[in-house]
Every structure is written in structure tokens, then in C-alpha cells.
C-alpha atoms as a PDB file:
ATOM      1  CA  MET A   1     106.714  86.685 117.538  1.00  0.00           C
ATOM      2  CA  ARG A   2     105.433  89.447 115.273  1.00  0.00           C
ATOM      3  CA  PRO A   3     103.052  92.129 116.530  1.00  0.00           C
ATOM      4  CA  VAL A   4      99.369  91.893 115.667  1.00  0.00           C
ATOM      5  CA  TYR A   5      97.796  95.023 114.223  1.00  0.00           C
ATOM      6  CA  TYR A   6      94.242  96.306 114.574  1.00  0.00           C
ATOM      7  CA  LYS A   7      92.388  98.964 112.629  1.00  0.00           C
ATOM      8  CA  VAL A   8      90.665 101.206 115.155  1.00  0.00           C
ATOM      9  CA  PHE A   9      87.441 103.110 114.587  1.00  0.00           C
ATOM     10  CA  ASP A  10      85.989 105.713 116.945  1.00  0.00           C
ATOM     11  CA  GLN A  11      82.217 105.717 116.434  1.00  0.00           C
ATOM     12  CA  GLY A  12      82.730 104.590 112.853  1.00  0.00           C
ATOM     13  CA  ARG A  13      85.554 107.024 112.007  1.00  0.00           C
ATOM     14  CA  TYR A  14      88.921 105.465 111.187  1.00  0.00           C
ATOM     15  CA  MET A  15      91.615 106.410 113.730  1.00  0.00           C
ATOM     16  CA  GLY A  16      94.536 104.341 112.469  1.00  0.00           C
ATOM     17  CA  THR A  17      96.244 100.969 112.709  1.00  0.00           C
ATOM     18  CA  TYR A  18      97.903 100.077 116.002  1.00  0.00           C
ATOM     19  CA  THR A  19      99.371  97.152 117.919  1.00  0.00           C
ATOM     20  CA  ALA A  20      97.675  95.840 121.045  1.00  0.00           C
ATOM     21  CA  THR A  21     100.456  97.372 123.147  1.00  0.00           C
ATOM     22  CA  GLU A  22      99.918 100.798 121.586  1.00  0.00           C
ATOM     23  CA  LEU A  23      96.170 100.500 122.170  1.00  0.00           C
ATOM     24  CA  GLN A  24      96.791  99.534 125.775  1.00  0.00           C
ATOM     25  CA  THR A  25      98.549 102.862 126.301  1.00  0.00           C
ATOM     26  CA  MET A  26      96.129 104.949 124.205  1.00  0.00           C
ATOM     27  CA  LEU A  27      92.844 103.573 125.533  1.00  0.00           C
ATOM     28  CA  HIS A  28      93.944 102.382 128.989  1.00  0.00           C
ATOM     29  CA  CYS A  29      92.793  98.829 128.342  1.00  0.00           C
ATOM     30  CA  GLY A  30      94.278  95.363 128.672  1.00  0.00           C
ATOM     31  CA  ARG A  31      96.345  93.917 125.814  1.00  0.00           C
ATOM     32  CA  GLN A  32      93.715  91.235 125.197  1.00  0.00           C
ATOM     33  CA  VAL A  33      90.832  93.723 124.847  1.00  0.00           C
ATOM     34  CA  PRO A  34      91.298  94.469 121.102  1.00  0.00           C
ATOM     35  CA  ARG A  35      91.483  90.752 120.280  1.00  0.00           C
ATOM     36  CA  GLU A  36      88.358  89.891 122.258  1.00  0.00           C
ATOM     37  CA  TYR A  37      86.308  92.830 120.991  1.00  0.00           C
ATOM     38  CA  ALA A  38      87.429  92.291 117.374  1.00  0.00           C
ATOM     39  CA  ALA A  39      86.471  88.607 117.550  1.00  0.00           C
ATOM     40  CA  ASP A  40      83.005  89.420 118.944  1.00  0.00           C
ATOM     41  CA  CYS A  41      82.428  92.540 116.774  1.00  0.00           C
ATOM     42  CA  ARG A  42      81.614  94.512 119.918  1.00  0.00           C
ATOM     43  CA  ARG A  43      82.287  98.157 120.767  1.00  0.00           C
ATOM     44  CA  TYR A  44      84.752  98.903 123.528  1.00  0.00           C
ATOM     45  CA  ARG A  45      83.376 101.539 125.922  1.00  0.00           C
ATOM     46  CA  GLY A  46      80.467 101.957 123.527  1.00  0.00           C
ATOM     47  CA  ARG A  47      82.552 103.754 120.905  1.00  0.00           C
ATOM     48  CA  TYR A  48      85.719 101.941 119.740  1.00  0.00           C
ATOM     49  CA  THR A  49      85.647  99.061 117.282  1.00  0.00           C
ATOM     50  CA  PHE A  50      88.656  96.943 116.367  1.00  0.00           C
ATOM     51  CA  VAL A  51      89.323  95.033 113.153  1.00  0.00           C
ATOM     52  CA  LEU A  52      92.157  92.526 113.041  1.00  0.00           C
ATOM     53  CA  VAL A  53      94.604  93.269 110.223  1.00  0.00           C
ATOM     54  CA  ASN A  54      95.805  90.039 108.651  1.00  0.00           C
ATOM     55  CA  ASP A  55      98.148  91.458 106.045  1.00  0.00           C
ATOM     56  CA  SER A  56     100.436  88.550 105.258  1.00  0.00           C
ATOM     57  CA  ALA A  57      98.519  85.431 106.323  1.00  0.00           C
ATOM     58  CA  GLY A  58     101.346  84.432 108.661  1.00  0.00           C
ATOM     59  CA  LEU A  59     104.141  84.593 106.073  1.00  0.00           C
ATOM     60  CA  SER A  60     107.553  86.001 106.882  1.00  0.00           C
ATOM     61  CA  LEU A  61     108.984  88.891 104.895  1.00  0.00           C
ATOM     62  CA  GLN A  62     111.419  86.506 103.213  1.00  0.00           C
ATOM     63  CA  GLU A  63     108.567  84.200 102.143  1.00  0.00           C
ATOM     64  CA  LEU A  64     106.577  87.149 100.819  1.00  0.00           C
ATOM     65  CA  ALA A  65     109.580  88.425  98.851  1.00  0.00           C
ATOM     66  CA  GLU A  66     110.173  84.998  97.309  1.00  0.00           C
ATOM     67  CA  ALA A  67     106.489  84.639  96.373  1.00  0.00           C
ATOM     68  CA  TRP A  68     106.504  88.110  94.799  1.00  0.00           C
ATOM     69  CA  ASP A  69     109.655  87.391  92.784  1.00  0.00           C
ATOM     70  CA  SER A  70     108.295  84.117  91.395  1.00  0.00           C
ATOM     71  CA  GLU A  71     104.963  85.719  90.409  1.00  0.00           C
ATOM     72  CA  ARG A  72     106.683  88.726  88.859  1.00  0.00           C
ATOM     73  CA  LEU A  73     108.925  86.486  86.757  1.00  0.00           C
ATOM     74  CA  ARG A  74     105.946  84.348  85.699  1.00  0.00           C
ATOM     75  CA  ILE A  75     104.080  87.447  84.490  1.00  0.00           C
ATOM     76  CA  LEU A  76     107.122  88.829  82.669  1.00  0.00           C
ATOM     77  CA  ARG A  77     107.681  85.482  80.922  1.00  0.00           C
ATOM     78  CA  ALA A  78     104.026  85.261  79.907  1.00  0.00           C
ATOM     79  CA  ALA A  79     104.224  88.779  78.442  1.00  0.00           C
ATOM     80  CA  GLY A  80     107.384  87.905  76.510  1.00  0.00           C
ATOM     81  CA  ARG A  81     109.479  90.468  78.373  1.00  0.00           C
ATOM     82  CA  ILE A  82     112.055  87.899  79.509  1.00  0.00           C
ATOM     83  CA  THR A  83     112.968  84.392  78.367  1.00  0.00           C
END
């Protein structure tokens, strides 16, 4: 299972992107806290907001690489760069 990442904001200021495990250590919260607060758009401890990062829509790196290669080739063919 791949880690889930969250963008973290402290009173509206971007802190960074972290996994739930990293946030558990940083903010002394349970691993489920970021997921629950992100889903409800609530502030944790009145200051932290979490935004779920869904970067690949559940695709593996291999699937993403294959999709990129096919699109790249399609564009190059359309531009006449390759035959």
C-alpha cells in the first residue's frame, strides 16, 4: 500500500506535504486525524488544515510511465517529428 500525502497549512500558511505517519509525529495526533479533518474541511486544534494530495489517481508508477510514453509519442507523431 502506498502512503497518502497531505498538504498542511498552519493558519493558512503552507507548511509542506507529509504522510499521515509524519504528521502523527509532528503534531502528536492519531494517524486518522488528517484524513478526517481533510474530509470535513475542519481545522485541527484551531490552526492546522489538511488537504489530501491525489497526485496519480491511484495509478502505479509503471502505469504512469506507460501513459506518458504513449501520449508523448502521439504528440510527436502529430507534429511530424517521428513516423
